[in-house]
Amino acid sequence: MKPYAQLTREELLALQKELQKAYEDQKARGLSLDISRGKPSSEQLDLSMPMFDIMHSSAEMIAADGTDVRNYGQLSGIPEARKLMGDLMGADPSQVIVFGNSSLNIMYDTVARSVLFGVMGSTPWSKLDNVKFLCPVPGYDRHFSVTEQFGFELISIPMTKDGPDMDLVEEYVNNDPEVKGIWCVPVYSNPDGTVYSAETVKRFAALKPAASDFRIYWDNAYVVHHLYDDNEAVIPNILEECEKAGNPDMVYQFASTSKITFSGAGIAAMSASKANIDDVLSKLKWQTIGHDKVNQLRHVRFFKDINGLKDHMKKHAAILRPKFAAVIKTLEDDLGGLDIARWNYPTGGYFVSFDGMEGTAKRTVALCKEAGLVLTGAGAAYPYGKDPKDTNIRIAPSLPPVSEIEQAMELFSICARLAAVEKLLEEKA
């Protein structure tokens, strides 16, 4: 079929009738499908089940430095866990703190500490008239929700094929002392799968912030989540680049095993300069005496080292590839050539980012919901949940089996086409 915009009003009306019939047929199936969140499937979680055979009742519970992991202590984490997570993030173990299971929890607490106590002796953000945070869009909704909850002014920064628009980032960061941070997912960004270019990473490291307490929140959530062995993303090390640029304290880096082992029972860590680590520990010591060291040791013994972790991720990729392929195939088969949508072709991460015709995302999501398909809310990938063009929808294919993804995408494509036809008819009225 030729592009929808080239159809006459009569042709659009006929197409609307056809699509409406297909949609009603889908509704009659009584579907209950969900591609809303990036959760690992049971098959992926099963890959880590042998971990439970490692720390049995007669297992040695002593860390490499002699620490009894069943007891209090080791606020920074046991040495071997700090090395494993440091190798994951490209950081020396001395630059790493290992926490509990959630990197989002670490990020939230890092923001909260800045609000309550300031950053390395600066004025607590709670005592400032205004705090601004930069938000590359489309981006991770939970990032934005953290800073929105604290009442910050969120500023959207458009994403390019190389990462955030660095001209805008530099303009804000280098000239406005109210700008205190920026959210970044540098490898396979959520949701559009962008990998920051080397130039973008180096420009981040070379920023000259107007605020001494400005920090880059570098969420390396998908650093080893490659889909293809022959196309693995590699970017410059942000900690090293900041050090070389004379900005060693400007970045906090975060990572976890949430989508590597168990989402609810993994380990998470942050890495940063010694000054930043010391600042965090000075507050953290009053919050906890130590995190779950038994789980830290279990992870290290399961993977042995970073190479074991990377080999484990190849098994994840083998499970995920057919699911992403099913999404892309339906989009290409059903929407290709119609000029009503575009989507990314991710080489890693957990999402496919879909942009429909302007003004149709909310309608598409609503149609899907009514017919039994749950999606992340339209606009979720933007601060305050407001997509100014109402175009973006995030598709998360990891959890369901391929057969359900195919059903979900069949319905999704019908809804996207129907919403586009309705929009064009409205414009031609």
Protein backbone atom coordinates (compact mmCIF):
# COMPACT_ATOMS: atom_id res chain seq x y z
CA MET A 1 0.00 0.00 0.00
CA LYS A 2 1.18 3.52 -0.72
CA PRO A 3 1.92 5.97 2.13
CA TYR A 4 -1.21 6.83 4.10
CA ALA A 5 -0.72 10.57 3.60
CA GLN A 6 -1.18 10.06 -0.14
CA LEU A 7 -4.59 8.40 0.24
CA THR A 8 -7.77 10.28 -0.57
CA ARG A 9 -10.40 10.81 2.08
CA GLU A 10 -12.52 8.08 0.52
CA GLU A 11 -9.60 5.65 0.57
CA LEU A 12 -8.88 6.51 4.19
CA LEU A 13 -12.51 5.90 5.16
CA ALA A 14 -12.44 2.50 3.48
CA LEU A 15 -9.18 1.67 5.22
CA GLN A 16 -10.57 2.81 8.56
CA LYS A 17 -13.51 0.44 8.15
CA GLU A 18 -11.15 -2.43 7.35
CA LEU A 19 -8.88 -1.71 10.30
CA GLN A 20 -11.82 -1.24 12.66
CA LYS A 21 -13.07 -4.69 11.69
CA ALA A 22 -9.62 -6.19 12.34
CA TYR A 23 -9.50 -4.40 15.68
CA GLU A 24 -12.91 -5.69 16.76
CA ASP A 25 -11.81 -9.20 15.85
CA GLN A 26 -8.77 -8.76 18.11
CA LYS A 27 -10.94 -7.51 20.97
CA ALA A 28 -13.17 -10.54 20.63
CA ARG A 29 -10.19 -12.81 21.33
CA GLY A 30 -10.14 -11.75 24.99
CA LEU A 31 -6.38 -11.21 24.99
CA SER A 32 -4.35 -10.51 28.13
CA LEU A 33 -0.87 -9.43 27.03
CA ASP A 34 1.79 -7.20 28.58
CA ILE A 35 4.89 -5.66 26.96
CA SER A 36 5.07 -2.68 29.29
CA ARG A 37 8.20 -3.19 31.44
CA GLY A 38 11.69 -4.52 30.80
CA LYS A 39 11.52 -7.59 33.02
CA PRO A 40 13.65 -10.68 32.40
CA SER A 41 11.67 -13.78 31.47
CA SER A 42 11.50 -16.89 33.65
CA GLU A 43 13.80 -18.57 31.15
CA GLN A 44 16.41 -15.87 31.77
CA LEU A 45 16.00 -16.08 35.53
CA ASP A 46 16.45 -19.85 35.36
CA LEU A 47 19.99 -19.31 34.06
CA SER A 48 21.06 -18.16 37.53
CA MET A 49 19.35 -20.84 39.60
CA PRO A 50 22.64 -22.75 40.19
CA MET A 51 23.64 -19.82 42.42
CA PHE A 52 21.49 -21.35 45.15
CA ASP A 53 23.69 -24.46 45.18
CA ILE A 54 26.77 -22.40 46.01
CA MET A 55 26.00 -20.91 49.43
CA HIS A 56 24.60 -24.01 51.12
CA SER A 57 24.64 -24.68 54.86
CA SER A 58 28.15 -26.18 54.83
CA ALA A 59 29.68 -23.64 52.42
CA GLU A 60 32.67 -21.54 53.42
CA MET A 61 31.33 -18.10 54.38
CA ILE A 62 34.63 -16.24 54.45
CA ALA A 63 35.52 -13.51 51.96
CA ALA A 64 38.97 -13.10 50.43
CA ASP A 65 40.08 -10.72 53.18
CA GLY A 66 38.91 -13.00 55.97
CA THR A 67 35.55 -11.31 56.54
CA ASP A 68 32.77 -13.59 57.78
CA VAL A 69 30.05 -12.53 55.35
CA ARG A 70 27.31 -13.55 57.79
CA ASN A 71 28.28 -10.77 60.18
CA TYR A 72 28.21 -6.99 60.30
CA GLY A 73 30.75 -4.80 58.53
CA GLN A 74 32.36 -4.08 55.16
CA LEU A 75 30.31 -0.99 54.36
CA SER A 76 31.92 -0.71 50.91
CA GLY A 77 31.30 -4.39 50.12
CA ILE A 78 33.62 -7.38 50.20
CA PRO A 79 36.78 -6.95 48.11
CA GLU A 80 35.95 -9.58 45.48
CA ALA A 81 32.49 -8.08 44.89
CA ARG A 82 34.00 -4.61 44.54
CA LYS A 83 36.40 -6.02 41.94
CA LEU A 84 33.65 -7.80 39.99
CA MET A 85 31.44 -4.71 39.86
CA GLY A 86 34.44 -2.50 39.21
CA ASP A 87 35.39 -4.66 36.23
CA LEU A 88 31.79 -4.37 35.02
CA MET A 89 31.99 -0.56 35.13
CA GLY A 90 35.65 -0.07 34.26
CA ALA A 91 36.57 1.14 37.74
CA ASP A 92 39.27 0.25 40.26
CA PRO A 93 37.82 -1.62 43.27
CA SER A 94 38.82 1.32 45.49
CA GLN A 95 36.37 3.45 43.49
CA VAL A 96 33.43 1.09 44.12
CA ILE A 97 30.74 0.69 46.77
CA VAL A 98 28.57 -2.43 46.52
CA PHE A 99 25.05 -1.93 47.84
CA GLY A 100 21.89 -4.08 47.79
CA ASN A 101 19.93 -5.33 44.80
CA SER A 102 18.82 -2.06 43.17
CA SER A 103 20.83 0.59 41.33
CA LEU A 104 17.69 2.74 41.21
CA ASN A 105 17.73 2.69 45.01
CA ILE A 106 21.35 3.92 44.96
CA MET A 107 20.46 6.72 42.56
CA TYR A 108 17.48 7.77 44.66
CA ASP A 109 19.58 7.84 47.83
CA THR A 110 22.34 9.76 46.03
CA VAL A 111 19.85 12.45 45.06
CA ALA A 112 18.35 12.42 48.56
CA ARG A 113 21.78 12.88 50.18
CA SER A 114 22.41 15.85 47.92
CA VAL A 115 19.07 17.34 48.95
CA LEU A 116 19.67 16.78 52.67
CA PHE A 117 23.41 17.30 53.05
CA GLY A 118 24.76 18.76 49.82
CA VAL A 119 27.60 17.36 47.71
CA MET A 120 31.09 17.34 49.24
CA GLY A 121 30.41 20.33 51.47
CA SER A 122 28.20 22.33 49.10
CA THR A 123 24.89 23.89 50.14
CA PRO A 124 22.18 21.24 50.58
CA TRP A 125 19.87 21.37 47.58
CA SER A 126 16.88 21.67 49.93
CA LYS A 127 18.14 25.14 50.88
CA LEU A 128 18.32 26.37 47.29
CA ASP A 129 15.54 28.28 45.58
CA ASN A 130 15.63 26.06 42.51
CA VAL A 131 17.37 22.89 41.33
CA LYS A 132 17.44 21.90 37.66
CA PHE A 133 18.16 18.46 36.21
CA LEU A 134 18.75 17.65 32.55
CA CYS A 135 16.79 14.76 31.08
CA PRO A 136 17.75 13.28 27.69
CA VAL A 137 14.54 12.34 25.87
CA PRO A 138 13.18 9.89 25.20
CA GLY A 139 14.59 8.45 28.40
CA TYR A 140 14.01 6.27 31.45
CA ASP A 141 10.76 7.17 33.20
CA ARG A 142 11.95 6.11 36.66
CA HIS A 143 14.96 8.43 36.43
CA PHE A 144 12.68 11.35 35.76
CA SER A 145 10.27 10.33 38.52
CA VAL A 146 13.06 10.43 41.12
CA THR A 147 14.01 14.03 40.41
CA GLU A 148 10.39 15.04 39.86
CA GLN A 149 9.50 13.74 43.32
CA PHE A 150 12.07 16.06 44.88
CA GLY A 151 10.52 19.02 43.09
CA PHE A 152 13.38 19.72 40.69
CA GLU A 153 12.85 21.57 37.42
CA LEU A 154 13.32 18.96 34.70
CA ILE A 155 14.70 20.11 31.36
CA SER A 156 14.36 17.92 28.27
CA ILE A 157 17.47 17.41 26.14
CA PRO A 158 16.81 15.83 22.71
CA MET A 159 18.66 12.62 21.91
CA THR A 160 20.65 12.32 18.70
CA LYS A 161 22.18 9.23 17.11
CA ASP A 162 25.34 9.93 19.17
CA GLY A 163 23.65 10.59 22.51
CA PRO A 164 22.23 13.75 24.11
CA ASP A 165 22.47 17.01 22.18
CA MET A 166 25.80 18.11 23.62
CA ASP A 167 25.52 21.68 22.39
CA LEU A 168 22.48 22.07 24.62
CA VAL A 169 24.06 20.14 27.49
CA GLU A 170 27.13 22.37 27.42
CA GLU A 171 25.00 25.50 27.21
CA TYR A 172 23.01 24.57 30.31
CA VAL A 173 25.75 23.00 32.41
CA ASN A 174 28.49 25.53 31.71
CA ASN A 175 26.33 28.61 32.21
CA ASP A 176 23.58 27.87 34.73
CA PRO A 177 24.59 27.19 38.37
CA GLU A 178 21.09 25.87 39.09
CA VAL A 179 21.77 22.85 36.85
CA LYS A 180 22.95 20.17 39.29
CA GLY A 181 22.82 16.97 37.28
CA ILE A 182 21.96 15.02 34.17
CA TRP A 183 20.59 11.50 33.75
CA CYS A 184 22.51 9.31 31.29
CA VAL A 185 22.14 5.74 30.03
CA PRO A 186 25.24 5.66 27.82
CA VAL A 187 25.04 2.14 26.36
CA TYR A 188 21.80 0.92 24.72
CA SER A 189 19.88 3.82 26.23
CA ASN A 190 16.35 3.32 27.48
CA PRO A 191 14.25 3.28 25.34
CA ASP A 192 15.87 3.98 21.98
CA GLY A 193 19.00 1.84 22.24
CA THR A 194 21.41 4.69 21.50
CA VAL A 195 25.10 4.12 22.20
CA TYR A 196 26.93 7.33 23.10
CA SER A 197 29.70 8.13 20.65
CA ALA A 198 33.30 8.57 21.78
CA GLU A 199 33.02 12.28 21.06
CA THR A 200 29.92 12.56 23.23
CA VAL A 201 31.64 10.82 26.16
CA LYS A 202 34.67 13.07 25.85
CA ARG A 203 32.47 16.19 25.69
CA PHE A 204 30.75 15.07 28.87
CA ALA A 205 34.11 14.66 30.57
CA ALA A 206 35.21 18.12 29.41
CA LEU A 207 32.19 20.00 30.76
CA LYS A 208 32.95 23.11 32.79
CA PRO A 209 29.98 23.25 35.18
CA ALA A 210 28.84 26.56 36.58
CA ALA A 211 27.88 24.60 39.71
CA SER A 212 30.69 22.91 41.67
CA ASP A 213 28.17 20.29 42.87
CA PHE A 214 27.04 19.32 39.37
CA ARG A 215 27.17 15.56 38.79
CA ILE A 216 26.63 13.27 35.80
CA TYR A 217 24.41 10.34 36.82
CA TRP A 218 25.91 7.70 34.51
CA ASP A 219 23.56 4.72 34.68
CA ASN A 220 25.43 1.92 32.92
CA ALA A 221 22.43 -0.40 33.21
CA TYR A 222 23.01 -2.25 29.92
CA VAL A 223 26.80 -2.21 29.63
CA VAL A 224 26.97 -5.99 29.00
CA HIS A 225 23.50 -6.47 27.55
CA HIS A 226 24.53 -7.09 23.95
CA LEU A 227 22.25 -8.90 21.53
CA TYR A 228 24.92 -9.80 18.99
CA ASP A 229 28.44 -11.12 19.64
CA ASP A 230 29.77 -9.39 16.53
CA ASN A 231 28.29 -5.99 17.34
CA GLU A 232 29.04 -5.22 20.98
CA ALA A 233 28.98 -1.56 21.98
CA VAL A 234 32.23 -0.18 23.40
CA ILE A 235 32.57 3.41 24.59
CA PRO A 236 35.33 5.36 26.37
CA ASN A 237 35.58 4.95 30.14
CA ILE A 238 33.81 7.96 31.66
CA LEU A 239 35.79 7.81 34.93
CA GLU A 240 39.10 7.83 33.06
CA GLU A 241 37.96 10.56 30.67
CA CYS A 242 36.83 12.81 33.54
CA GLU A 243 40.18 12.25 35.26
CA LYS A 244 42.08 13.18 32.08
CA ALA A 245 39.91 16.28 31.60
CA GLY A 246 40.60 17.51 35.13
CA ASN A 247 37.07 16.69 36.34
CA PRO A 248 37.60 13.53 38.44
CA ASP A 249 34.70 14.27 40.78
CA MET A 250 32.06 15.11 38.15
CA VAL A 251 30.50 11.66 37.63
CA TYR A 252 28.65 9.00 39.61
CA GLN A 253 28.42 5.69 37.74
CA PHE A 254 25.85 3.00 38.56
CA ALA A 255 25.32 -0.63 37.54
CA SER A 256 23.64 -3.77 38.82
CA THR A 257 23.03 -7.43 38.09
CA SER A 258 19.25 -6.88 38.06
CA LYS A 259 18.98 -8.12 34.47
CA ILE A 260 21.97 -10.45 34.78
CA THR A 261 20.97 -12.70 37.69
CA PHE A 262 17.82 -11.97 39.71
CA SER A 263 15.98 -8.66 39.42
CA GLY A 264 14.86 -8.80 43.03
CA ALA A 265 18.01 -10.36 44.48
CA GLY A 266 21.03 -9.15 42.53
CA ILE A 267 23.78 -6.79 43.60
CA ALA A 268 24.16 -3.13 42.65
CA ALA A 269 27.07 -0.72 42.87
CA MET A 270 28.26 2.79 42.25
CA SER A 271 31.72 3.92 41.20
CA ALA A 272 33.19 7.38 41.45
CA SER A 273 36.33 9.29 42.43
CA LYS A 274 37.88 8.72 45.86
CA ALA A 275 36.58 12.09 47.04
CA ASN A 276 33.03 11.19 45.98
CA ILE A 277 33.27 7.70 47.51
CA ASP A 278 34.52 9.15 50.81
CA ASP A 279 31.68 11.68 50.78
CA VAL A 280 29.06 8.98 50.21
CA LEU A 281 30.53 6.68 52.89
CA SER A 282 30.52 9.52 55.43
CA LYS A 283 26.71 9.55 55.22
CA LEU A 284 26.12 5.90 54.40
CA LYS A 285 27.77 4.76 57.65
CA TRP A 286 24.81 6.16 59.58
CA GLN A 287 22.31 4.49 57.26
CA THR A 288 23.55 0.90 57.41
CA ILE A 289 26.35 -1.20 58.89
CA GLY A 290 26.63 -3.13 55.64
CA HIS A 291 24.65 -4.67 52.82
CA ASP A 292 24.03 -8.34 52.03
CA LYS A 293 27.55 -9.77 51.87
CA VAL A 294 26.32 -13.36 51.58
CA ASN A 295 24.69 -12.40 48.29
CA GLN A 296 27.81 -10.53 47.19
CA LEU A 297 29.94 -13.63 47.77
CA ARG A 298 27.36 -15.85 46.07
CA HIS A 299 27.56 -13.73 42.92
CA VAL A 300 31.36 -13.75 42.85
CA ARG A 301 31.55 -17.50 43.31
CA PHE A 302 28.92 -18.03 40.61
CA PHE A 303 30.64 -15.88 37.97
CA LYS A 304 34.22 -16.24 39.25
CA ASP A 305 35.24 -13.13 37.30
CA ILE A 306 34.06 -10.64 34.69
CA ASN A 307 34.67 -13.14 31.88
CA GLY A 308 32.29 -15.60 33.51
CA LEU A 309 29.70 -12.83 33.76
CA LYS A 310 30.10 -11.95 30.09
CA ASP A 311 29.73 -15.60 29.08
CA HIS A 312 26.54 -15.73 31.14
CA MET A 313 25.17 -12.73 29.23
CA LYS A 314 25.59 -14.55 25.92
CA LYS A 315 22.98 -17.01 27.17
CA HIS A 316 20.64 -14.09 27.88
CA ALA A 317 21.20 -12.75 24.38
CA ALA A 318 20.26 -16.08 22.81
CA ILE A 319 16.91 -15.93 24.62
CA LEU A 320 16.24 -12.27 23.79
CA ARG A 321 17.22 -12.16 20.10
CA PRO A 322 14.14 -14.01 18.76
CA LYS A 323 11.87 -11.74 20.79
CA PHE A 324 13.36 -8.56 19.39
CA ALA A 325 13.28 -10.11 15.92
CA ALA A 326 9.54 -10.80 16.30
CA VAL A 327 8.88 -7.15 17.16
CA ILE A 328 10.92 -5.80 14.26
CA LYS A 329 9.45 -8.26 11.74
CA THR A 330 5.86 -7.22 12.50
CA LEU A 331 6.72 -3.53 12.36
CA GLU A 332 8.46 -3.95 9.02
CA ASP A 333 5.77 -6.21 7.53
CA ASP A 334 2.77 -4.20 8.71
CA LEU A 335 4.03 -0.60 8.84
CA GLY A 336 6.94 -0.49 6.44
CA GLY A 337 6.47 1.98 3.60
CA LEU A 338 3.36 3.60 5.09
CA ASP A 339 5.25 6.67 6.37
CA ILE A 340 3.28 6.68 9.61
CA ALA A 341 5.97 5.47 12.01
CA ARG A 342 9.64 4.84 12.63
CA TRP A 343 11.42 2.61 15.11
CA ASN A 344 14.92 1.74 16.22
CA TYR A 345 16.87 -1.42 15.49
CA PRO A 346 18.53 -2.09 18.86
CA THR A 347 21.75 -4.07 19.10
CA GLY A 348 21.41 -4.42 22.86
CA GLY A 349 19.41 -3.38 25.90
CA TYR A 350 15.79 -4.17 26.61
CA PHE A 351 13.54 -2.03 24.44
CA VAL A 352 12.33 -1.05 21.00
CA SER A 353 11.45 2.62 20.74
CA PHE A 354 8.50 3.35 18.44
CA ASP A 355 7.48 6.76 17.13
CA GLY A 356 4.08 6.94 15.50
CA MET A 357 2.48 9.85 13.72
CA GLU A 358 2.42 13.03 15.75
CA GLY A 359 -0.60 13.08 18.03
CA THR A 360 -1.29 9.32 17.94
CA ALA A 361 0.70 7.67 20.76
CA LYS A 362 -1.92 8.08 23.48
CA ARG A 363 -4.66 6.88 21.13
CA THR A 364 -2.61 3.84 20.12
CA VAL A 365 -1.90 2.88 23.74
CA ALA A 366 -5.57 3.35 24.67
CA LEU A 367 -6.75 1.16 21.78
CA CYS A 368 -4.26 -1.54 22.78
CA LYS A 369 -5.38 -1.44 26.41
CA GLU A 370 -9.04 -1.76 25.46
CA ALA A 371 -8.21 -4.87 23.42
CA GLY A 372 -6.11 -6.50 26.16
CA LEU A 373 -2.53 -5.31 25.54
CA VAL A 374 -0.73 -3.35 28.26
CA LEU A 375 2.01 -0.92 27.21
CA THR A 376 4.02 1.65 29.12
CA GLY A 377 1.97 4.84 29.13
CA ALA A 378 2.43 7.19 26.20
CA GLY A 379 4.66 10.06 27.31
CA ALA A 380 6.38 8.03 30.03
CA ALA A 381 9.77 8.53 28.37
CA TYR A 382 9.55 12.30 28.93
CA PRO A 383 9.70 14.45 32.08
CA TYR A 384 6.34 14.82 33.81
CA GLY A 385 4.97 12.14 31.46
CA LYS A 386 4.39 14.72 28.73
CA ASP A 387 5.58 13.89 25.23
CA PRO A 388 5.19 17.25 23.46
CA LYS A 389 4.47 15.58 20.11
CA ASP A 390 2.59 12.55 21.48
CA THR A 391 4.57 10.14 19.32
CA ASN A 392 6.73 7.83 21.44
CA ILE A 393 5.81 4.37 22.71
CA ARG A 394 8.25 2.01 24.42
CA ILE A 395 7.97 -1.68 23.57
CA ALA A 396 9.45 -4.17 26.06
CA PRO A 397 9.61 -7.66 24.52
CA SER A 398 11.74 -9.48 27.14
CA LEU A 399 9.12 -11.05 29.42
CA PRO A 400 6.55 -12.89 27.23
CA PRO A 401 7.30 -15.91 25.02
CA VAL A 402 7.73 -15.28 21.29
CA SER A 403 4.21 -16.54 20.54
CA GLU A 404 2.68 -13.87 22.81
CA ILE A 405 4.95 -11.18 21.40
CA GLU A 406 3.72 -12.03 17.91
CA GLN A 407 0.11 -11.73 19.11
CA ALA A 408 0.87 -8.46 20.90
CA MET A 409 2.59 -6.94 17.89
CA GLU A 410 -0.22 -7.96 15.54
CA LEU A 411 -2.65 -6.06 17.73
CA PHE A 412 -0.21 -3.17 18.22
CA SER A 413 0.26 -2.68 14.48
CA ILE A 414 -3.51 -2.62 13.91
CA CYS A 415 -3.92 0.00 16.64
CA ALA A 416 -1.05 2.14 15.35
CA ARG A 417 -2.46 2.10 11.82
CA LEU A 418 -6.00 2.81 13.02
CA ALA A 419 -4.81 5.76 15.12
CA ALA A 420 -2.89 7.13 12.13
CA VAL A 421 -5.91 6.85 9.82
CA GLU A 422 -8.11 8.60 12.39
CA LYS A 423 -5.56 11.41 12.65
CA LEU A 424 -5.33 11.85 8.89
CA LEU A 425 -9.12 11.87 8.55
CA GLU A 426 -9.28 14.52 11.23
CA GLU A 427 -6.76 16.62 9.32
CA LYS A 428 -8.67 16.16 6.03
CA ALA A 429 -12.06 16.99 7.54
